[in-house]
Amino acid sequence: MALILKESPVDDGLCLEFVERLRDGASLPLGSPILALRRHLSSDQGLIRTNGGERAQTGLAMMIKAFNAWLEGGTRQLMSFRVGVERMPAVVPTLPGGPAYLP
């Protein structure tokens, strides 16, 4: 995920903010896509229960989905990704006011 964010056109400060909030969970409101991802990653029913061969792909896809939703200001209660049903997401660098590119 770090490499994907580093290579994306999204501002490095936004990428770092996402990673820091994912790491520490500080000040995440209910409905935060980052909070939904943190809950899924740490839950006994979350990523650990995913088929071993699909775990890395699922985890990466959910991180990208959470990042995109967070950039767009969206809300999420749950995070999921269905291997073989959904396409692997790409980082979509948009904010409600426009692109999240380098200033």
PDB file of N, CA and C in Angstrom:
ATOM      1  N   MET A   1       0.828  -1.187   0.000  1.00  0.00           N
ATOM      2  CA  MET A   1       0.000   0.000   0.000  1.00  0.00           C
ATOM      3  C   MET A   1       0.871   1.249   0.000  1.00  0.00           C
ATOM      4  N   ALA A   2       1.976   1.203   0.747  1.00  0.00           N
ATOM      5  CA  ALA A   2       2.865   2.364   0.811  1.00  0.00           C
ATOM      6  C   ALA A   2       3.395   2.718  -0.579  1.00  0.00           C
ATOM      7  N   LEU A   3       3.774   1.735  -1.350  1.00  0.00           N
ATOM      8  CA  LEU A   3       4.287   1.981  -2.693  1.00  0.00           C
ATOM      9  C   LEU A   3       3.193   2.536  -3.606  1.00  0.00           C
ATOM     10  N   ILE A   4       1.996   2.005  -3.490  1.00  0.00           N
ATOM     11  CA  ILE A   4       0.887   2.495  -4.312  1.00  0.00           C
ATOM     12  C   ILE A   4       0.613   3.962  -3.998  1.00  0.00           C
ATOM     13  N   LEU A   5       0.598   4.317  -2.717  1.00  0.00           N
ATOM     14  CA  LEU A   5       0.364   5.709  -2.345  1.00  0.00           C
ATOM     15  C   LEU A   5       1.515   6.601  -2.787  1.00  0.00           C
ATOM     16  N   LYS A   6       2.738   6.123  -2.627  1.00  0.00           N
ATOM     17  CA  LYS A   6       3.912   6.906  -3.031  1.00  0.00           C
ATOM     18  C   LYS A   6       3.901   7.197  -4.520  1.00  0.00           C
ATOM     19  N   GLU A   7       3.499   6.214  -5.311  1.00  0.00           N
ATOM     20  CA  GLU A   7       3.485   6.374  -6.771  1.00  0.00           C
ATOM     21  C   GLU A   7       2.223   7.053  -7.291  1.00  0.00           C
ATOM     22  N   SER A   8       1.240   7.272  -6.428  1.00  0.00           N
ATOM     23  CA  SER A   8      -0.003   7.903  -6.873  1.00  0.00           C
ATOM     24  C   SER A   8       0.203   9.411  -7.023  1.00  0.00           C
ATOM     25  N   PRO A   9      -0.670  10.070  -7.770  1.00  0.00           N
ATOM     26  CA  PRO A   9      -0.565  11.523  -7.923  1.00  0.00           C
ATOM     27  C   PRO A   9      -1.161  12.289  -6.737  1.00  0.00           C
ATOM     28  N   VAL A  10      -1.577  11.581  -5.699  1.00  0.00           N
ATOM     29  CA  VAL A  10      -2.174  12.237  -4.536  1.00  0.00           C
ATOM     30  C   VAL A  10      -1.082  12.893  -3.701  1.00  0.00           C
ATOM     31  N   ASP A  11      -1.388  14.048  -3.159  1.00  0.00           N
ATOM     32  CA  ASP A  11      -0.467  14.794  -2.311  1.00  0.00           C
ATOM     33  C   ASP A  11       0.099  13.908  -1.200  1.00  0.00           C
ATOM     34  N   ASP A  12       1.405  13.954  -1.008  1.00  0.00           N
ATOM     35  CA  ASP A  12       2.072  13.125   0.006  1.00  0.00           C
ATOM     36  C   ASP A  12       1.525  13.371   1.409  1.00  0.00           C
ATOM     37  N   GLY A  13       1.137  14.607   1.698  1.00  0.00           N
ATOM     38  CA  GLY A  13       0.584  14.921   3.010  1.00  0.00           C
ATOM     39  C   GLY A  13      -0.721  14.187   3.277  1.00  0.00           C
ATOM     40  N   LEU A  14      -1.560  14.073   2.253  1.00  0.00           N
ATOM     41  CA  LEU A  14      -2.811  13.340   2.391  1.00  0.00           C
ATOM     42  C   LEU A  14      -2.548  11.851   2.576  1.00  0.00           C
ATOM     43  N   CYS A  15      -1.588  11.334   1.823  1.00  0.00           N
ATOM     44  CA  CYS A  15      -1.235   9.911   1.957  1.00  0.00           C
ATOM     45  C   CYS A  15      -0.730   9.617   3.359  1.00  0.00           C
ATOM     46  N   LEU A  16       0.132  10.487   3.879  1.00  0.00           N
ATOM     47  CA  LEU A  16       0.669  10.304   5.228  1.00  0.00           C
ATOM     48  C   LEU A  16      -0.438  10.398   6.271  1.00  0.00           C
ATOM     49  N   GLU A  17      -1.355  11.322   6.105  1.00  0.00           N
ATOM     50  CA  GLU A  17      -2.479  11.467   7.036  1.00  0.00           C
ATOM     51  C   GLU A  17      -3.302  10.184   7.085  1.00  0.00           C
ATOM     52  N   PHE A  18      -3.594   9.604   5.918  1.00  0.00           N
ATOM     53  CA  PHE A  18      -4.347   8.356   5.863  1.00  0.00           C
ATOM     54  C   PHE A  18      -3.615   7.250   6.619  1.00  0.00           C
ATOM     55  N   VAL A  19      -2.335   7.089   6.347  1.00  0.00           N
ATOM     56  CA  VAL A  19      -1.553   6.023   6.988  1.00  0.00           C
ATOM     57  C   VAL A  19      -1.478   6.246   8.496  1.00  0.00           C
ATOM     58  N   GLU A  20      -1.274   7.472   8.926  1.00  0.00           N
ATOM     59  CA  GLU A  20      -1.210   7.775  10.364  1.00  0.00           C
ATOM     60  C   GLU A  20      -2.535   7.479  11.057  1.00  0.00           C
ATOM     61  N   ARG A  21      -3.652   7.869  10.451  1.00  0.00           N
ATOM     62  CA  ARG A  21      -4.958   7.593  11.059  1.00  0.00           C
ATOM     63  C   ARG A  21      -5.245   6.093  11.057  1.00  0.00           C
ATOM     64  N   LEU A  22      -4.810   5.394  10.044  1.00  0.00           N
ATOM     65  CA  LEU A  22      -4.977   3.942  10.016  1.00  0.00           C
ATOM     66  C   LEU A  22      -4.153   3.307  11.135  1.00  0.00           C
ATOM     67  N   ARG A  23      -2.975   3.845  11.363  1.00  0.00           N
ATOM     68  CA  ARG A  23      -2.084   3.319  12.397  1.00  0.00           C
ATOM     69  C   ARG A  23      -2.599   3.592  13.799  1.00  0.00           C
ATOM     70  N   ASP A  24      -2.971   4.856  14.062  1.00  0.00           N
ATOM     71  CA  ASP A  24      -3.296   5.215  15.449  1.00  0.00           C
ATOM     72  C   ASP A  24      -4.789   5.357  15.738  1.00  0.00           C
ATOM     73  N   GLY A  25      -5.608   5.521  14.720  1.00  0.00           N
ATOM     74  CA  GLY A  25      -7.056   5.635  14.927  1.00  0.00           C
ATOM     75  C   GLY A  25      -7.495   6.927  15.595  1.00  0.00           C
ATOM     76  N   ALA A  26      -6.605   7.905  15.705  1.00  0.00           N
ATOM     77  CA  ALA A  26      -6.905   9.150  16.418  1.00  0.00           C
ATOM     78  C   ALA A  26      -7.987   9.970  15.723  1.00  0.00           C
ATOM     79  N   SER A  27      -8.963  10.393  16.493  1.00  0.00           N
ATOM     80  CA  SER A  27     -10.009  11.328  16.060  1.00  0.00           C
ATOM     81  C   SER A  27     -10.801  10.852  14.839  1.00  0.00           C
ATOM     82  N   LEU A  28     -11.009   9.552  14.719  1.00  0.00           N
ATOM     83  CA  LEU A  28     -11.810   9.047  13.604  1.00  0.00           C
ATOM     84  C   LEU A  28     -13.282   9.032  13.998  1.00  0.00           C
ATOM     85  N   PRO A  29     -14.120   9.771  13.270  1.00  0.00           N
ATOM     86  CA  PRO A  29     -15.544   9.793  13.592  1.00  0.00           C
ATOM     87  C   PRO A  29     -16.240   8.512  13.146  1.00  0.00           C
ATOM     88  N   LEU A  30     -17.394   8.242  13.721  1.00  0.00           N
ATOM     89  CA  LEU A  30     -18.206   7.120  13.247  1.00  0.00           C
ATOM     90  C   LEU A  30     -18.490   7.324  11.768  1.00  0.00           C
ATOM     91  N   GLY A  31     -18.414   6.274  11.013  1.00  0.00           N
ATOM     92  CA  GLY A  31     -18.633   6.366   9.583  1.00  0.00           C
ATOM     93  C   GLY A  31     -17.367   6.600   8.784  1.00  0.00           C
ATOM     94  N   SER A  32     -16.248   6.824   9.462  1.00  0.00           N
ATOM     95  CA  SER A  32     -14.985   7.034   8.763  1.00  0.00           C
ATOM     96  C   SER A  32     -14.579   5.752   8.048  1.00  0.00           C
ATOM     97  N   PRO A  33     -14.232   5.839   6.765  1.00  0.00           N
ATOM     98  CA  PRO A  33     -13.761   4.652   6.052  1.00  0.00           C
ATOM     99  C   PRO A  33     -12.498   4.059   6.696  1.00  0.00           C
ATOM    100  N   ILE A  34     -11.673   4.909   7.277  1.00  0.00           N
ATOM    101  CA  ILE A  34     -10.463   4.426   7.947  1.00  0.00           C
ATOM    102  C   ILE A  34     -10.846   3.622   9.183  1.00  0.00           C
ATOM    103  N   LEU A  35     -11.820   4.094   9.931  1.00  0.00           N
ATOM    104  CA  LEU A  35     -12.283   3.371  11.110  1.00  0.00           C
ATOM    105  C   LEU A  35     -12.891   2.019  10.703  1.00  0.00           C
ATOM    106  N   ALA A  36     -13.666   2.007   9.640  1.00  0.00           N
ATOM    107  CA  ALA A  36     -14.249   0.746   9.158  1.00  0.00           C
ATOM    108  C   ALA A  36     -13.151  -0.236   8.767  1.00  0.00           C
ATOM    109  N   LEU A  37     -12.112   0.266   8.119  1.00  0.00           N
ATOM    110  CA  LEU A  37     -10.992  -0.589   7.733  1.00  0.00           C
ATOM    111  C   LEU A  37     -10.242  -1.093   8.959  1.00  0.00           C
ATOM    112  N   ARG A  38      -9.972  -0.214   9.917  1.00  0.00           N
ATOM    113  CA  ARG A  38      -9.284  -0.628  11.151  1.00  0.00           C
ATOM    114  C   ARG A  38     -10.070  -1.728  11.868  1.00  0.00           C
ATOM    115  N   ARG A  39     -11.364  -1.557  11.948  1.00  0.00           N
ATOM    116  CA  ARG A  39     -12.193  -2.572  12.604  1.00  0.00           C
ATOM    117  C   ARG A  39     -12.119  -3.907  11.871  1.00  0.00           C
ATOM    118  N   HIS A  40     -12.162  -3.853  10.551  1.00  0.00           N
ATOM    119  CA  HIS A  40     -12.114  -5.088   9.772  1.00  0.00           C
ATOM    120  C   HIS A  40     -10.760  -5.784   9.926  1.00  0.00           C
ATOM    121  N   LEU A  41      -9.693  -5.020   9.878  1.00  0.00           N
ATOM    122  CA  LEU A  41      -8.361  -5.608   9.979  1.00  0.00           C
ATOM    123  C   LEU A  41      -8.100  -6.230  11.344  1.00  0.00           C
ATOM    124  N   SER A  42      -8.674  -5.661  12.388  1.00  0.00           N
ATOM    125  CA  SER A  42      -8.403  -6.146  13.737  1.00  0.00           C
ATOM    126  C   SER A  42      -9.445  -7.131  14.264  1.00  0.00           C
ATOM    127  N   SER A  43     -10.518  -7.326  13.527  1.00  0.00           N
ATOM    128  CA  SER A  43     -11.611  -8.199  13.963  1.00  0.00           C
ATOM    129  C   SER A  43     -11.275  -9.667  13.757  1.00  0.00           C
ATOM    130  N   ASP A  44     -11.770 -10.509  14.661  1.00  0.00           N
ATOM    131  CA  ASP A  44     -11.637 -11.951  14.502  1.00  0.00           C
ATOM    132  C   ASP A  44     -12.428 -12.451  13.295  1.00  0.00           C
ATOM    133  N   GLN A  45     -13.403 -11.683  12.862  1.00  0.00           N
ATOM    134  CA  GLN A  45     -14.221 -12.052  11.701  1.00  0.00           C
ATOM    135  C   GLN A  45     -13.764 -11.318  10.440  1.00  0.00           C
ATOM    136  N   GLY A  46     -12.682 -10.573  10.525  1.00  0.00           N
ATOM    137  CA  GLY A  46     -12.228  -9.740   9.419  1.00  0.00           C
ATOM    138  C   GLY A  46     -11.273 -10.428   8.474  1.00  0.00           C
ATOM    139  N   LEU A  47     -10.205  -9.723   8.146  1.00  0.00           N
ATOM    140  CA  LEU A  47      -9.256 -10.175   7.133  1.00  0.00           C
ATOM    141  C   LEU A  47      -8.643 -11.527   7.473  1.00  0.00           C
ATOM    142  N   ILE A  48      -8.463 -11.821   8.733  1.00  0.00           N
ATOM    143  CA  ILE A  48      -7.856 -13.083   9.141  1.00  0.00           C
ATOM    144  C   ILE A  48      -8.691 -14.283   8.686  1.00  0.00           C
ATOM    145  N   ARG A  49      -9.987 -14.090   8.517  1.00  0.00           N
ATOM    146  CA  ARG A  49     -10.878 -15.186   8.094  1.00  0.00           C
ATOM    147  C   ARG A  49     -10.919 -15.349   6.575  1.00  0.00           C
ATOM    148  N   THR A  50     -10.277 -14.446   5.859  1.00  0.00           N
ATOM    149  CA  THR A  50     -10.253 -14.512   4.403  1.00  0.00           C
ATOM    150  C   THR A  50      -9.374 -15.682   3.959  1.00  0.00           C
ATOM    151  N   ASN A  51      -9.770 -16.334   2.880  1.00  0.00           N
ATOM    152  CA  ASN A  51      -8.984 -17.420   2.304  1.00  0.00           C
ATOM    153  C   ASN A  51      -7.533 -16.967   2.176  1.00  0.00           C
ATOM    154  N   GLY A  52      -6.589 -17.786   2.652  1.00  0.00           N
ATOM    155  CA  GLY A  52      -5.173 -17.429   2.659  1.00  0.00           C
ATOM    156  C   GLY A  52      -4.636 -16.980   1.318  1.00  0.00           C
ATOM    157  N   GLY A  53      -5.074 -17.612   0.235  1.00  0.00           N
ATOM    158  CA  GLY A  53      -4.614 -17.238  -1.088  1.00  0.00           C
ATOM    159  C   GLY A  53      -5.169 -15.920  -1.578  1.00  0.00           C
ATOM    160  N   GLU A  54      -6.207 -15.437  -0.941  1.00  0.00           N
ATOM    161  CA  GLU A  54      -6.849 -14.190  -1.353  1.00  0.00           C
ATOM    162  C   GLU A  54      -6.644 -13.066  -0.342  1.00  0.00           C
ATOM    163  N   ARG A  55      -5.990 -13.366   0.770  1.00  0.00           N
ATOM    164  CA  ARG A  55      -5.869 -12.397   1.863  1.00  0.00           C
ATOM    165  C   ARG A  55      -5.128 -11.127   1.452  1.00  0.00           C
ATOM    166  N   ALA A  56      -3.998 -11.255   0.781  1.00  0.00           N
ATOM    167  CA  ALA A  56      -3.222 -10.069   0.396  1.00  0.00           C
ATOM    168  C   ALA A  56      -3.996  -9.198  -0.587  1.00  0.00           C
ATOM    169  N   GLN A  57      -4.604  -9.822  -1.591  1.00  0.00           N
ATOM    170  CA  GLN A  57      -5.376  -9.084  -2.587  1.00  0.00           C
ATOM    171  C   GLN A  57      -6.572  -8.387  -1.946  1.00  0.00           C
ATOM    172  N   THR A  58      -7.241  -9.088  -1.053  1.00  0.00           N
ATOM    173  CA  THR A  58      -8.400  -8.519  -0.367  1.00  0.00           C
ATOM    174  C   THR A  58      -7.987  -7.344   0.521  1.00  0.00           C
ATOM    175  N   GLY A  59      -6.927  -7.520   1.280  1.00  0.00           N
ATOM    176  CA  GLY A  59      -6.460  -6.454   2.172  1.00  0.00           C
ATOM    177  C   GLY A  59      -6.052  -5.211   1.402  1.00  0.00           C
ATOM    178  N   LEU A  60      -5.309  -5.394   0.323  1.00  0.00           N
ATOM    179  CA  LEU A  60      -4.880  -4.263  -0.490  1.00  0.00           C
ATOM    180  C   LEU A  60      -6.077  -3.550  -1.110  1.00  0.00           C
ATOM    181  N   ALA A  61      -7.004  -4.311  -1.651  1.00  0.00           N
ATOM    182  CA  ALA A  61      -8.187  -3.708  -2.278  1.00  0.00           C
ATOM    183  C   ALA A  61      -9.000  -2.909  -1.262  1.00  0.00           C
ATOM    184  N   MET A  62      -9.155  -3.446  -0.063  1.00  0.00           N
ATOM    185  CA  MET A  62      -9.929  -2.722   0.954  1.00  0.00           C
ATOM    186  C   MET A  62      -9.209  -1.451   1.392  1.00  0.00           C
ATOM    187  N   MET A  63      -7.885  -1.480   1.455  1.00  0.00           N
ATOM    188  CA  MET A  63      -7.142  -0.269   1.806  1.00  0.00           C
ATOM    189  C   MET A  63      -7.325   0.802   0.744  1.00  0.00           C
ATOM    190  N   ILE A  64      -7.272   0.413  -0.522  1.00  0.00           N
ATOM    191  CA  ILE A  64      -7.472   1.381  -1.607  1.00  0.00           C
ATOM    192  C   ILE A  64      -8.900   1.917  -1.581  1.00  0.00           C
ATOM    193  N   LYS A  65      -9.877   1.043  -1.365  1.00  0.00           N
ATOM    194  CA  LYS A  65     -11.269   1.492  -1.287  1.00  0.00           C
ATOM    195  C   LYS A  65     -11.473   2.461  -0.120  1.00  0.00           C
ATOM    196  N   ALA A  66     -10.864   2.167   1.020  1.00  0.00           N
ATOM    197  CA  ALA A  66     -10.979   3.053   2.178  1.00  0.00           C
ATOM    198  C   ALA A  66     -10.302   4.395   1.901  1.00  0.00           C
ATOM    199  N   PHE A  67      -9.141   4.363   1.267  1.00  0.00           N
ATOM    200  CA  PHE A  67      -8.424   5.599   0.929  1.00  0.00           C
ATOM    201  C   PHE A  67      -9.261   6.462  -0.005  1.00  0.00           C
ATOM    202  N   ASN A  68      -9.807   5.856  -1.067  1.00  0.00           N
ATOM    203  CA  ASN A  68     -10.636   6.610  -2.006  1.00  0.00           C
ATOM    204  C   ASN A  68     -11.856   7.204  -1.317  1.00  0.00           C
ATOM    205  N   ALA A  69     -12.533   6.405  -0.500  1.00  0.00           N
ATOM    206  CA  ALA A  69     -13.731   6.893   0.198  1.00  0.00           C
ATOM    207  C   ALA A  69     -13.367   8.020   1.155  1.00  0.00           C
ATOM    208  N   TRP A  70     -12.235   7.898   1.835  1.00  0.00           N
ATOM    209  CA  TRP A  70     -11.785   8.941   2.763  1.00  0.00           C
ATOM    210  C   TRP A  70     -11.482  10.229   2.003  1.00  0.00           C
ATOM    211  N   LEU A  71     -10.786  10.134   0.860  1.00  0.00           N
ATOM    212  CA  LEU A  71     -10.493  11.330   0.055  1.00  0.00           C
ATOM    213  C   LEU A  71     -11.768  12.023  -0.405  1.00  0.00           C
ATOM    214  N   GLU A  72     -12.763  11.235  -0.768  1.00  0.00           N
ATOM    215  CA  GLU A  72     -14.013  11.792  -1.280  1.00  0.00           C
ATOM    216  C   GLU A  72     -14.932  12.295  -0.176  1.00  0.00           C
ATOM    217  N   GLY A  73     -14.573  12.043   1.080  1.00  0.00           N
ATOM    218  CA  GLY A  73     -15.407  12.473   2.195  1.00  0.00           C
ATOM    219  C   GLY A  73     -16.585  11.552   2.439  1.00  0.00           C
ATOM    220  N   GLY A  74     -16.512  10.344   1.897  1.00  0.00           N
ATOM    221  CA  GLY A  74     -17.597   9.378   2.054  1.00  0.00           C
ATOM    222  C   GLY A  74     -17.595   8.721   3.425  1.00  0.00           C
ATOM    223  N   THR A  75     -18.654   7.996   3.694  1.00  0.00           N
ATOM    224  CA  THR A  75     -18.750   7.255   4.947  1.00  0.00           C
ATOM    225  C   THR A  75     -18.862   5.768   4.650  1.00  0.00           C
ATOM    226  N   ARG A  76     -18.403   4.979   5.571  1.00  0.00           N
ATOM    227  CA  ARG A  76     -18.473   3.520   5.471  1.00  0.00           C
ATOM    228  C   ARG A  76     -18.633   2.955   6.870  1.00  0.00           C
ATOM    229  N   GLN A  77     -19.491   1.989   7.001  1.00  0.00           N
ATOM    230  CA  GLN A  77     -19.620   1.267   8.256  1.00  0.00           C
ATOM    231  C   GLN A  77     -18.851  -0.048   8.188  1.00  0.00           C
ATOM    232  N   LEU A  78     -18.776  -0.606   6.978  1.00  0.00           N
ATOM    233  CA  LEU A  78     -18.106  -1.884   6.750  1.00  0.00           C
ATOM    234  C   LEU A  78     -17.188  -1.770   5.540  1.00  0.00           C
ATOM    235  N   MET A  79     -16.157  -2.601   5.523  1.00  0.00           N
ATOM    236  CA  MET A  79     -15.280  -2.684   4.365  1.00  0.00           C
ATOM    237  C   MET A  79     -15.329  -4.112   3.851  1.00  0.00           C
ATOM    238  N   SER A  80     -15.349  -4.267   2.536  1.00  0.00           N
ATOM    239  CA  SER A  80     -15.334  -5.603   1.948  1.00  0.00           C
ATOM    240  C   SER A  80     -14.753  -5.538   0.549  1.00  0.00           C
ATOM    241  N   PHE A  81     -14.331  -6.692   0.079  1.00  0.00           N
ATOM    242  CA  PHE A  81     -13.883  -6.853  -1.299  1.00  0.00           C
ATOM    243  C   PHE A  81     -14.099  -8.303  -1.656  1.00  0.00           C
ATOM    244  N   ARG A  82     -14.706  -8.557  -2.810  1.00  0.00           N
ATOM    245  CA  ARG A  82     -14.999  -9.916  -3.253  1.00  0.00           C
ATOM    246  C   ARG A  82     -14.105 -10.275  -4.428  1.00  0.00           C
ATOM    247  N   VAL A  83     -13.098 -11.096  -4.152  1.00  0.00           N
ATOM    248  CA  VAL A  83     -12.169 -11.538  -5.189  1.00  0.00           C
ATOM    249  C   VAL A  83     -12.950 -12.312  -6.243  1.00  0.00           C
ATOM    250  N   GLY A  84     -12.692 -11.992  -7.496  1.00  0.00           N
ATOM    251  CA  GLY A  84     -13.374 -12.665  -8.591  1.00  0.00           C
ATOM    252  C   GLY A  84     -14.701 -12.041  -8.967  1.00  0.00           C
ATOM    253  N   VAL A  85     -15.201 -11.159  -8.122  1.00  0.00           N
ATOM    254  CA  VAL A  85     -16.466 -10.469  -8.398  1.00  0.00           C
ATOM    255  C   VAL A  85     -16.191  -8.994  -8.696  1.00  0.00           C
ATOM    256  N   GLU A  86     -15.386  -8.375  -7.834  1.00  0.00           N
ATOM    257  CA  GLU A  86     -15.027  -6.969  -8.015  1.00  0.00           C
ATOM    258  C   GLU A  86     -13.661  -6.876  -8.678  1.00  0.00           C
ATOM    259  N   ARG A  87     -13.461  -5.810  -9.422  1.00  0.00           N
ATOM    260  CA  ARG A  87     -12.137  -5.529  -9.995  1.00  0.00           C
ATOM    261  C   ARG A  87     -11.283  -4.850  -8.935  1.00  0.00           C
ATOM    262  N   MET A  88      -9.978  -5.075  -9.029  1.00  0.00           N
ATOM    263  CA  MET A  88      -9.061  -4.405  -8.114  1.00  0.00           C
ATOM    264  C   MET A  88      -9.200  -2.896  -8.315  1.00  0.00           C
ATOM    265  N   PRO A  89      -9.464  -2.158  -7.238  1.00  0.00           N
ATOM    266  CA  PRO A  89      -9.620  -0.705  -7.376  1.00  0.00           C
ATOM    267  C   PRO A  89      -8.288  -0.015  -7.637  1.00  0.00           C
ATOM    268  N   ALA A  90      -8.369   1.186  -8.132  1.00  0.00           N
ATOM    269  CA  ALA A  90      -7.200   2.037  -8.329  1.00  0.00           C
ATOM    270  C   ALA A  90      -7.378   3.270  -7.460  1.00  0.00           C
ATOM    271  N   VAL A  91      -6.283   3.904  -7.108  1.00  0.00           N
ATOM    272  CA  VAL A  91      -6.370   5.142  -6.337  1.00  0.00           C
ATOM    273  C   VAL A  91      -6.998   6.202  -7.222  1.00  0.00           C
ATOM    274  N   VAL A  92      -8.089   6.769  -6.740  1.00  0.00           N
ATOM    275  CA  VAL A  92      -8.815   7.810  -7.469  1.00  0.00           C
ATOM    276  C   VAL A  92      -8.592   9.119  -6.725  1.00  0.00           C
ATOM    277  N   PRO A  93      -7.669   9.927  -7.208  1.00  0.00           N
ATOM    278  CA  PRO A  93      -7.289  11.130  -6.464  1.00  0.00           C
ATOM    279  C   PRO A  93      -8.245  12.298  -6.626  1.00  0.00           C
ATOM    280  N   THR A  94      -9.419  12.210  -6.015  1.00  0.00           N
ATOM    281  CA  THR A  94     -10.355  13.318  -6.049  1.00  0.00           C
ATOM    282  C   THR A  94     -10.806  13.681  -4.646  1.00  0.00           C
ATOM    283  N   LEU A  95     -11.091  14.908  -4.470  1.00  0.00           N
ATOM    284  CA  LEU A  95     -11.660  15.434  -3.237  1.00  0.00           C
ATOM    285  C   LEU A  95     -12.992  16.072  -3.587  1.00  0.00           C
ATOM    286  N   PRO A  96     -13.857  16.334  -2.599  1.00  0.00           N
ATOM    287  CA  PRO A  96     -15.137  16.984  -2.928  1.00  0.00           C
ATOM    288  C   PRO A  96     -14.969  18.267  -3.736  1.00  0.00           C
ATOM    289  N   GLY A  97     -13.885  19.014  -3.493  1.00  0.00           N
ATOM    290  CA  GLY A  97     -13.662  20.272  -4.208  1.00  0.00           C
ATOM    291  C   GLY A  97     -12.863  20.145  -5.479  1.00  0.00           C
ATOM    292  N   GLY A  98     -12.387  18.957  -5.816  1.00  0.00           N
ATOM    293  CA  GLY A  98     -11.575  18.771  -7.017  1.00  0.00           C
ATOM    294  C   GLY A  98     -10.462  17.771  -6.770  1.00  0.00           C
ATOM    295  N   PRO A  99      -9.504  17.730  -7.669  1.00  0.00           N
ATOM    296  CA  PRO A  99      -8.417  16.747  -7.568  1.00  0.00           C
ATOM    297  C   PRO A  99      -7.559  16.953  -6.313  1.00  0.00           C
ATOM    298  N   ALA A 100      -6.990  15.833  -5.851  1.00  0.00           N
ATOM    299  CA  ALA A 100      -6.116  15.870  -4.673  1.00  0.00           C
ATOM    300  C   ALA A 100      -4.658  15.777  -5.106  1.00  0.00           C
ATOM    301  N   TYR A 101      -4.340  16.365  -6.234  1.00  0.00           N
ATOM    302  CA  TYR A 101      -2.983  16.333  -6.752  1.00  0.00           C
ATOM    303  C   TYR A 101      -2.082  17.258  -5.953  1.00  0.00           C
ATOM    304  N   LEU A 102      -0.809  17.161  -6.229  1.00  0.00           N
ATOM    305  CA  LEU A 102       0.143  18.072  -5.589  1.00  0.00           C
ATOM    306  C   LEU A 102      -0.246  19.508  -5.882  1.00  0.00           C
ATOM    307  N   PRO A 103      -0.109  20.385  -4.890  1.00  0.00           N
ATOM    308  CA  PRO A 103      -0.506  21.790  -5.106  1.00  0.00           C
ATOM    309  C   PRO A 103       0.362  22.497  -6.126  1.00  0.00           C
TER     310      PRO A 103
END
